Amino acid sequence: MYHSSRRDFLRYSAAGVSSLAIGASPLLGNEVPSDLPPVRRITTGPKHHWFGYYDKWQFSEDNRFVLSNQVDFEHRSPTGDDAIKVGMVDTDNGDKWIELGETNAWGWQQGCMLQWVPNRPHEVIWNDREGDRFVSHILNVETNEKRTLPYPIYNVSPDGKYAVTTDFARLNDRRPGYGYAGLPDKNKAVGAPEDTGLWIVDLDTGERKLIMSLAQAVEVPFEGSERLGFTDDSLHWFNHLLFNTDGTRIWFLQRWTIGRGWATRAFTINPDGTDPYVLDPYGQTSHFIWRDPEHVMAWAWHPSSGHKFYLYKDHTNEVHPVGREVMTHNGHNTYLPMSDNEWVLNDTYPDSSRLQHPYLYHIPTNRKVPLGHFLSPSEYKGEWRCDTHPRASRDGRTVCIDSPHEMGRQLYLIDVGEIVG
């Protein structure tokens, strides 16, 4: 269970909590690493803490406060009655936990969409359930002023004015761990409903507009649809929605059932619902991040090079591998802030030794820099697995991960300042 310096490794081994043999990691051979960056835990048990997905702001603008979810149990699906706390850790005050509220709308992979609202330095937003509807709360952490919007959110635009969202009841039915329990999917038996899909929510007024229904998405043709079992009878849903860096386009995944599995195609669309474009039609798009207003880096299959990270240019067929021989496994990828898009922050799923490997990849030099090797015990699997989901501070000098290698899932900070200069 080593993750920092030789001293840290020996301390944890002496404490009797290490279950990892030296040399188990294929990245390290038989050497105990002495050059991994410093790591510190900022949350502690007996309660469990995690943030979830990697594509939203966890750090406050001044990098002092780190958002987190807090839960009393692990290793089972949440029910509609399971509430969790939301809060933030004050890293300048002894890593003090500051409770902000709670929620009955959450999943293991993306939490409750807790995030700082861009362009509004002291506001955070998260989803909840009130009666027979999902909602979202916006809280000013300085004044404690709170207001509730009548709809949940998924991703917030860079100017902080709008959010894009989807049907969390349907998402929970199709992909547990990403949607929310507590409300049924009213279109459960309908393949591509007309009244659900993608919405834009105005964060000032709370108004919501449907910009693409699932029924409309099914009508958009694409090459390979027959091969991928794309029919009206399939059950369709949307997942993984993300504004580009200037808020002019939204990337999202449309998924549909094939037997016991599913296939995927990647769309981009204008926030008003116009100009939908199928950017990846090959059926296996996974994690992604916008590099700039026109380019998306995503793990996918492409006939040119198979399974790789690719850089796609919107509205075109331009596709180029990224880290072809270095970033060879699917992970949760972002561009490190303040690095001119030269550094990619990424991770891996557990390897054969149940180790997860967050790392940095430097594009100009084709260099991969390990940030640690964290044990994920075997009970962390399926819906309630604990991916590291590395997330960077605003200045790009600190990385936060979720990891269950010590006392259940907790938050850890990794200092990457010396690596990125």
Protein backbone atom coordinates (compact mmCIF):
# COMPACT_ATOMS: atom_id res chain seq x y z
CA MET A 1 0.00 0.00 0.00
CA TYR A 2 2.81 2.39 -0.77
CA HIS A 3 2.01 5.72 -2.32
CA SER A 4 4.61 8.30 -1.35
CA SER A 5 8.19 8.10 -0.09
CA ARG A 6 10.29 5.21 1.26
CA ARG A 7 9.62 6.54 4.77
CA ASP A 8 5.87 6.48 4.22
CA PHE A 9 6.05 2.93 2.88
CA LEU A 10 7.98 1.71 5.90
CA ARG A 11 5.67 3.52 8.29
CA TYR A 12 2.57 1.91 6.79
CA SER A 13 4.21 -1.52 6.66
CA ALA A 14 5.27 -1.24 10.30
CA ALA A 15 1.72 -0.31 11.20
CA GLY A 16 0.58 -3.62 9.78
CA VAL A 17 -1.84 -2.13 7.27
CA SER A 18 0.08 -2.84 4.07
CA SER A 19 -1.24 -5.72 2.02
CA LEU A 20 0.93 -5.09 -1.00
CA ALA A 21 4.21 -6.93 -1.54
CA ILE A 22 7.16 -4.91 -2.80
CA GLY A 23 7.52 -5.38 -6.52
CA ALA A 24 3.88 -6.25 -7.14
CA SER A 25 3.54 -3.25 -9.43
CA PRO A 26 4.70 -3.88 -12.99
CA LEU A 27 5.70 -0.23 -13.19
CA LEU A 28 8.21 -0.48 -10.35
CA GLY A 29 10.09 -3.76 -10.64
CA ASN A 30 11.69 -4.68 -7.33
CA GLU A 31 12.45 -1.16 -6.15
CA VAL A 32 10.56 0.76 -3.49
CA PRO A 33 10.05 4.14 -5.14
CA SER A 34 11.79 7.13 -3.60
CA ASP A 35 10.82 9.70 -6.22
CA LEU A 36 7.03 9.64 -6.05
CA PRO A 37 5.49 12.99 -5.07
CA PRO A 38 4.32 13.66 -1.49
CA VAL A 39 0.82 12.49 -0.57
CA ARG A 40 -1.36 13.38 2.39
CA ARG A 41 -4.80 12.21 3.48
CA ILE A 42 -7.20 15.09 4.19
CA THR A 43 -10.22 13.08 5.39
CA THR A 44 -10.46 10.33 7.96
CA GLY A 45 -12.74 7.55 9.21
CA PRO A 46 -14.89 6.12 10.53
CA LYS A 47 -17.01 7.89 7.91
CA HIS A 48 -16.08 7.56 4.25
CA HIS A 49 -15.32 10.48 1.93
CA TRP A 50 -15.08 10.81 -1.82
CA PHE A 51 -15.76 13.28 -4.61
CA GLY A 52 -16.39 11.15 -7.66
CA TYR A 53 -16.02 12.23 -11.24
CA TYR A 54 -13.07 14.14 -12.58
CA ASP A 55 -14.62 16.71 -14.95
CA LYS A 56 -15.81 19.41 -12.53
CA TRP A 57 -14.17 21.82 -10.09
CA GLN A 58 -13.47 20.31 -6.67
CA PHE A 59 -11.04 23.01 -5.47
CA SER A 60 -12.14 26.54 -4.59
CA GLU A 61 -10.69 29.37 -6.66
CA ASP A 62 -7.98 30.01 -4.04
CA ASN A 63 -7.29 26.23 -3.81
CA ARG A 64 -7.96 26.26 -0.06
CA PHE A 65 -11.26 24.39 0.17
CA VAL A 66 -11.77 20.89 -1.28
CA LEU A 67 -15.32 19.62 -1.78
CA SER A 68 -16.34 16.13 -0.64
CA ASN A 69 -19.23 13.77 -0.06
CA GLN A 70 -19.50 11.92 3.26
CA VAL A 71 -21.25 8.56 3.74
CA ASP A 72 -21.70 6.06 6.61
CA PHE A 73 -21.59 2.81 4.60
CA GLU A 74 -20.01 1.17 1.56
CA HIS A 75 -20.35 -1.91 -0.69
CA ARG A 76 -24.03 -1.72 -1.59
CA SER A 77 -26.35 0.27 -3.81
CA PRO A 78 -27.89 3.39 -2.25
CA THR A 79 -31.63 3.44 -1.72
CA GLY A 80 -33.92 6.44 -1.92
CA ASP A 81 -33.74 6.65 1.89
CA ASP A 82 -29.94 6.86 2.10
CA ALA A 83 -28.81 10.43 2.72
CA ILE A 84 -25.20 11.58 2.53
CA LYS A 85 -23.56 14.77 3.76
CA VAL A 86 -21.85 17.26 1.47
CA GLY A 87 -19.08 19.46 2.73
CA MET A 88 -15.61 20.85 2.18
CA VAL A 89 -12.19 20.37 3.73
CA ASP A 90 -10.27 23.46 4.85
CA THR A 91 -6.71 22.56 3.89
CA ASP A 92 -5.34 25.71 5.58
CA ASN A 93 -6.91 24.84 8.93
CA GLY A 94 -5.87 21.33 9.85
CA ASP A 95 -8.00 19.75 7.11
CA LYS A 96 -11.14 20.69 9.05
CA TRP A 97 -14.39 19.20 7.74
CA ILE A 98 -17.08 21.86 7.13
CA GLU A 99 -20.56 20.49 6.56
CA LEU A 100 -22.58 22.29 3.87
CA GLY A 101 -25.74 20.19 3.62
CA GLU A 102 -27.04 16.77 2.67
CA THR A 103 -28.73 14.98 -0.19
CA ASN A 104 -30.94 12.00 -1.06
CA ALA A 105 -29.88 12.06 -4.72
CA TRP A 106 -26.49 10.50 -5.29
CA GLY A 107 -24.53 7.60 -6.78
CA TRP A 108 -21.14 6.03 -6.12
CA GLN A 109 -19.48 7.20 -9.34
CA GLN A 110 -20.50 10.85 -9.61
CA GLY A 111 -21.78 11.60 -6.15
CA CYS A 112 -24.49 14.28 -6.26
CA MET A 113 -22.72 16.47 -8.88
CA LEU A 114 -21.29 18.62 -6.09
CA GLN A 115 -19.08 21.32 -7.66
CA TRP A 116 -18.01 24.95 -7.48
CA VAL A 117 -20.07 27.14 -9.80
CA PRO A 118 -17.71 28.72 -12.35
CA ASN A 119 -17.40 32.51 -12.27
CA ARG A 120 -19.13 32.62 -8.86
CA PRO A 121 -16.23 32.24 -6.41
CA HIS A 122 -18.18 31.35 -3.25
CA GLU A 123 -21.05 29.27 -4.66
CA VAL A 124 -21.36 25.50 -4.77
CA ILE A 125 -24.13 23.43 -6.31
CA TRP A 126 -25.35 19.87 -5.76
CA ASN A 127 -28.37 17.69 -6.52
CA ASP A 128 -31.01 16.48 -4.07
CA ARG A 129 -34.48 14.94 -4.03
CA GLU A 130 -37.53 16.71 -2.65
CA GLY A 131 -40.71 14.65 -2.70
CA ASP A 132 -41.35 13.33 -6.20
CA ARG A 133 -38.69 15.35 -8.01
CA PHE A 134 -34.95 15.80 -8.20
CA VAL A 135 -33.74 19.35 -7.54
CA SER A 136 -30.46 21.22 -7.09
CA HIS A 137 -29.24 23.55 -4.36
CA ILE A 138 -26.92 26.53 -4.79
CA LEU A 139 -25.18 27.62 -1.59
CA ASN A 140 -22.96 30.64 -0.93
CA VAL A 141 -20.39 29.18 1.47
CA GLU A 142 -19.50 32.62 2.87
CA THR A 143 -23.01 33.98 3.55
CA ASN A 144 -24.85 30.61 3.86
CA GLU A 145 -27.49 31.98 1.49
CA LYS A 146 -29.12 28.99 -0.21
CA ARG A 147 -31.62 28.68 -3.02
CA THR A 148 -33.16 25.63 -4.64
CA LEU A 149 -33.78 25.09 -8.35
CA PRO A 150 -36.66 22.80 -9.40
CA TYR A 151 -34.38 20.59 -11.51
CA PRO A 152 -31.10 18.68 -11.04
CA ILE A 153 -27.94 19.58 -12.95
CA TYR A 154 -25.16 17.59 -14.56
CA ASN A 155 -22.49 20.01 -15.84
CA VAL A 156 -22.24 23.80 -15.48
CA SER A 157 -21.23 26.16 -18.29
CA PRO A 158 -17.89 28.01 -17.95
CA ASP A 159 -19.67 31.32 -17.31
CA GLY A 160 -21.73 29.83 -14.47
CA LYS A 161 -25.05 30.83 -16.02
CA TYR A 162 -26.41 27.52 -17.28
CA ALA A 163 -26.27 23.80 -16.65
CA VAL A 164 -26.93 20.86 -18.91
CA THR A 165 -28.77 17.91 -17.40
CA THR A 166 -30.49 14.62 -18.17
CA ASP A 167 -32.93 12.08 -16.70
CA PHE A 168 -31.33 10.68 -13.52
CA ALA A 169 -34.13 8.20 -12.86
CA ARG A 170 -33.65 6.65 -16.29
CA LEU A 171 -29.89 6.77 -15.87
CA ASN A 172 -30.14 4.91 -12.56
CA ASP A 173 -32.30 2.25 -14.20
CA ARG A 174 -29.88 1.77 -17.09
CA ARG A 175 -26.51 2.34 -15.31
CA PRO A 176 -26.65 2.07 -11.51
CA GLY A 177 -23.93 4.14 -9.88
CA TYR A 178 -24.51 7.14 -12.16
CA GLY A 179 -28.20 7.94 -11.68
CA TYR A 180 -30.24 8.33 -8.48
CA ALA A 181 -32.50 5.96 -6.59
CA GLY A 182 -35.81 7.08 -5.11
CA LEU A 183 -37.86 7.86 -8.22
CA PRO A 184 -38.94 5.41 -10.95
CA ASP A 185 -38.19 5.82 -14.63
CA LYS A 186 -41.63 6.71 -15.94
CA ASN A 187 -40.52 5.67 -19.44
CA LYS A 188 -38.90 2.42 -18.33
CA ALA A 189 -40.42 0.34 -21.14
CA VAL A 190 -40.07 3.00 -23.85
CA GLY A 191 -37.01 2.71 -26.07
CA ALA A 192 -36.61 6.38 -27.00
CA PRO A 193 -39.12 8.66 -25.23
CA GLU A 194 -40.09 12.06 -26.63
CA ASP A 195 -40.32 13.83 -23.28
CA THR A 196 -36.90 13.11 -21.82
CA GLY A 197 -33.33 13.68 -22.92
CA LEU A 198 -31.05 16.71 -22.64
CA TRP A 199 -32.13 19.93 -20.96
CA ILE A 200 -30.54 23.33 -20.40
CA VAL A 201 -31.25 24.82 -16.96
CA ASP A 202 -30.93 28.57 -16.29
CA LEU A 203 -29.17 28.83 -12.92
CA ASP A 204 -30.66 32.27 -12.22
CA THR A 205 -34.31 31.63 -13.10
CA GLY A 206 -34.50 27.83 -12.69
CA GLU A 207 -36.18 27.51 -16.07
CA ARG A 208 -35.53 24.36 -18.08
CA LYS A 209 -35.62 23.72 -21.84
CA LEU A 210 -35.46 20.35 -23.58
CA ILE A 211 -32.84 20.70 -26.33
CA MET A 212 -32.75 17.08 -27.57
CA SER A 213 -35.10 14.24 -26.71
CA LEU A 214 -34.10 10.62 -26.95
CA ALA A 215 -36.64 10.26 -29.74
CA GLN A 216 -34.91 13.03 -31.69
CA ALA A 217 -31.49 11.48 -31.12
CA VAL A 218 -32.63 8.15 -32.55
CA GLU A 219 -33.59 9.93 -35.77
CA VAL A 220 -30.02 11.15 -36.36
CA PRO A 221 -28.45 8.65 -38.79
CA PHE A 222 -24.86 7.43 -38.56
CA GLU A 223 -22.54 4.98 -40.27
CA GLY A 224 -22.49 1.56 -38.64
CA SER A 225 -25.89 1.74 -36.93
CA GLU A 226 -26.97 -1.69 -38.16
CA ARG A 227 -23.70 -3.31 -37.05
CA LEU A 228 -24.12 -1.77 -33.58
CA GLY A 229 -27.71 -2.93 -33.09
CA PHE A 230 -29.11 0.60 -33.17
CA THR A 231 -32.91 0.29 -33.36
CA ASP A 232 -36.00 2.01 -32.01
CA ASP A 233 -36.59 -1.09 -29.88
CA SER A 234 -33.31 -0.63 -28.00
CA LEU A 235 -33.45 1.21 -24.70
CA HIS A 236 -31.66 4.54 -25.15
CA TRP A 237 -30.27 6.98 -22.59
CA PHE A 238 -27.83 9.90 -22.30
CA ASN A 239 -24.81 10.07 -20.02
CA HIS A 240 -21.59 12.09 -19.53
CA LEU A 241 -22.49 15.63 -20.56
CA LEU A 242 -19.82 18.34 -20.75
CA PHE A 243 -19.68 21.95 -21.97
CA ASN A 244 -16.63 22.87 -24.01
CA THR A 245 -14.16 25.45 -22.68
CA ASP A 246 -16.12 28.50 -23.90
CA GLY A 247 -19.64 27.13 -23.46
CA THR A 248 -20.50 27.08 -27.17
CA ARG A 249 -20.82 23.29 -27.57
CA ILE A 250 -21.81 20.31 -25.43
CA TRP A 251 -20.38 16.80 -25.76
CA PHE A 252 -22.53 13.90 -24.58
CA LEU A 253 -22.84 10.15 -25.01
CA GLN A 254 -25.92 8.38 -26.32
CA ARG A 255 -26.05 4.76 -25.22
CA TRP A 256 -28.40 1.90 -26.07
CA THR A 257 -28.82 -1.72 -25.07
CA ILE A 258 -27.31 -4.61 -27.02
CA GLY A 259 -28.12 -7.87 -25.28
CA ARG A 260 -26.67 -7.56 -21.77
CA GLY A 261 -24.37 -4.70 -22.73
CA TRP A 262 -24.59 -1.42 -24.56
CA ALA A 263 -23.06 0.57 -27.40
CA THR A 264 -22.18 4.25 -27.49
CA ARG A 265 -21.91 7.13 -29.91
CA ALA A 266 -20.54 10.56 -29.09
CA PHE A 267 -22.43 13.72 -30.00
CA THR A 268 -21.71 17.42 -29.92
CA ILE A 269 -24.51 19.96 -29.99
CA ASN A 270 -25.15 23.68 -29.52
CA PRO A 271 -26.68 24.69 -26.16
CA ASP A 272 -29.88 25.71 -27.98
CA GLY A 273 -30.22 22.22 -29.47
CA THR A 274 -29.14 23.08 -32.99
CA ASP A 275 -26.40 21.53 -35.10
CA PRO A 276 -26.09 18.03 -33.57
CA TYR A 277 -23.01 16.21 -34.87
CA VAL A 278 -21.97 12.58 -34.40
CA LEU A 279 -18.27 12.92 -33.62
CA ASP A 280 -17.57 9.25 -32.84
CA PRO A 281 -19.87 6.66 -34.45
CA TYR A 282 -17.84 3.52 -33.72
CA GLY A 283 -19.66 2.38 -30.61
CA GLN A 284 -17.02 2.39 -27.86
CA THR A 285 -16.47 5.96 -26.68
CA SER A 286 -15.57 6.26 -23.00
CA HIS A 287 -13.88 8.96 -20.87
CA PHE A 288 -13.21 12.34 -22.43
CA ILE A 289 -12.31 15.98 -21.85
CA TRP A 290 -12.48 19.13 -23.98
CA ARG A 291 -9.02 20.56 -24.75
CA ASP A 292 -10.38 23.81 -26.23
CA PRO A 293 -13.61 24.91 -27.94
CA GLU A 294 -13.01 22.63 -30.95
CA HIS A 295 -11.09 19.57 -29.71
CA VAL A 296 -12.00 16.66 -27.44
CA MET A 297 -9.62 13.98 -26.14
CA ALA A 298 -11.41 10.67 -25.54
CA TRP A 299 -10.71 6.99 -24.99
CA ALA A 300 -12.37 5.15 -27.86
CA TRP A 301 -11.99 2.58 -30.60
CA HIS A 302 -11.10 3.89 -34.04
CA PRO A 303 -10.21 1.86 -37.16
CA SER A 304 -6.92 3.73 -37.49
CA SER A 305 -5.30 2.48 -34.25
CA GLY A 306 -7.83 0.46 -32.25
CA HIS A 307 -8.36 1.33 -28.57
CA LYS A 308 -6.47 4.52 -27.73
CA PHE A 309 -6.88 8.03 -26.48
CA TYR A 310 -7.74 10.20 -29.50
CA LEU A 311 -7.98 13.91 -30.15
CA TYR A 312 -11.13 14.67 -32.14
CA LYS A 313 -11.85 17.94 -33.96
CA ASP A 314 -15.51 18.91 -33.80
CA HIS A 315 -17.50 18.94 -37.06
CA THR A 316 -14.76 16.98 -38.86
CA ASN A 317 -13.34 13.49 -39.33
CA GLU A 318 -9.94 14.57 -37.98
CA VAL A 319 -8.80 12.05 -35.36
CA HIS A 320 -5.26 11.70 -33.93
CA PRO A 321 -3.96 9.33 -31.22
CA VAL A 322 -2.61 10.89 -28.01
CA GLY A 323 0.13 9.03 -26.12
CA ARG A 324 -0.19 6.08 -28.49
CA GLU A 325 2.48 3.93 -26.78
CA VAL A 326 2.27 5.48 -23.30
CA MET A 327 -1.38 6.03 -22.33
CA THR A 328 -2.34 2.51 -23.32
CA HIS A 329 -5.20 1.90 -20.87
CA ASN A 330 -8.55 3.58 -20.36
CA GLY A 331 -8.59 6.15 -17.56
CA HIS A 332 -10.07 9.42 -16.34
CA ASN A 333 -8.31 12.09 -18.36
CA THR A 334 -8.09 15.86 -17.99
CA TYR A 335 -5.69 18.57 -19.11
CA LEU A 336 -3.74 19.97 -16.19
CA PRO A 337 -4.72 23.63 -15.58
CA MET A 338 -2.10 26.32 -16.20
CA SER A 339 -0.01 23.96 -18.35
CA ASP A 340 -0.95 25.19 -21.86
CA ASN A 341 -2.49 21.74 -22.41
CA GLU A 342 0.97 20.14 -22.33
CA TRP A 343 0.22 17.90 -19.32
CA VAL A 344 -2.52 15.26 -19.17
CA LEU A 345 -3.69 14.04 -15.75
CA ASN A 346 -4.92 10.45 -15.91
CA ASP A 347 -5.22 7.15 -14.04
CA THR A 348 -5.86 3.44 -14.55
CA TYR A 349 -8.35 0.89 -13.30
CA PRO A 350 -6.99 -1.75 -10.86
CA ASP A 351 -4.36 -4.00 -12.43
CA SER A 352 -3.80 -7.69 -11.68
CA SER A 353 -2.42 -6.72 -8.25
CA ARG A 354 -5.44 -4.48 -7.57
CA LEU A 355 -3.27 -1.37 -7.88
CA GLN A 356 -4.53 1.88 -9.35
CA HIS A 357 -2.00 4.21 -10.95
CA PRO A 358 -2.69 7.95 -11.24
CA TYR A 359 -0.09 9.66 -13.41
CA LEU A 360 0.85 12.70 -15.47
CA TYR A 361 1.66 12.50 -19.16
CA HIS A 362 3.73 15.23 -20.82
CA ILE A 363 2.68 15.48 -24.47
CA PRO A 364 5.71 17.36 -25.91
CA THR A 365 8.23 14.85 -24.51
CA ASN A 366 6.02 11.73 -24.55
CA ARG A 367 6.87 11.25 -20.86
CA LYS A 368 4.76 9.48 -18.24
CA VAL A 369 5.26 10.40 -14.56
CA PRO A 370 3.71 8.08 -11.91
CA LEU A 371 1.97 9.82 -8.99
CA GLY A 372 1.54 6.72 -6.83
CA HIS A 373 0.31 3.12 -6.78
CA PHE A 374 -2.80 2.68 -4.62
CA LEU A 375 -4.33 -0.58 -3.53
CA SER A 376 -8.04 -1.08 -4.24
CA PRO A 377 -9.30 -4.01 -2.12
CA SER A 378 -11.33 -6.61 -3.98
CA GLU A 379 -14.64 -5.60 -2.38
CA TYR A 380 -14.47 -2.30 -4.27
CA LYS A 381 -15.98 -3.50 -7.52
CA GLY A 382 -18.83 -2.88 -9.92
CA GLU A 383 -21.22 -0.10 -9.00
CA TRP A 384 -19.45 0.78 -5.73
CA ARG A 385 -15.87 0.61 -6.99
CA CYS A 386 -13.64 3.50 -5.97
CA ASP A 387 -11.73 4.84 -8.99
CA THR A 388 -9.08 7.43 -8.16
CA HIS A 389 -10.66 9.97 -10.57
CA PRO A 390 -7.71 12.41 -10.28
CA ARG A 391 -8.74 16.07 -10.11
CA ALA A 392 -6.41 19.08 -10.22
CA SER A 393 -6.38 22.29 -8.24
CA ARG A 394 -6.98 25.55 -10.10
CA ASP A 395 -3.24 26.27 -10.30
CA GLY A 396 -2.43 22.73 -11.48
CA ARG A 397 0.05 22.09 -8.66
CA THR A 398 -2.03 19.74 -6.50
CA VAL A 399 -4.01 16.63 -7.41
CA CYS A 400 -6.82 15.12 -5.32
CA ILE A 401 -7.79 11.47 -5.62
CA ASP A 402 -10.32 9.12 -4.02
CA SER A 403 -8.72 5.94 -2.69
CA PRO A 404 -9.82 3.08 -0.39
CA HIS A 405 -6.34 1.78 0.48
CA GLU A 406 -6.38 2.76 4.19
CA MET A 407 -9.69 3.25 6.00
CA GLY A 408 -12.39 3.03 3.39
CA ARG A 409 -12.59 5.58 0.61
CA GLN A 410 -10.94 8.87 1.60
CA LEU A 411 -9.49 11.95 -0.10
CA TYR A 412 -5.75 12.33 -0.69
CA LEU A 413 -3.75 15.29 -1.98
CA ILE A 414 -0.70 14.74 -4.18
CA ASP A 415 1.83 17.57 -4.59
CA VAL A 416 2.84 17.74 -8.27
CA GLY A 417 4.42 21.20 -8.13
CA GLU A 418 7.99 19.99 -8.60
CA ILE A 419 6.96 17.75 -11.51
CA VAL A 420 5.26 20.46 -13.54
CA GLY A 421 7.70 23.20 -12.51
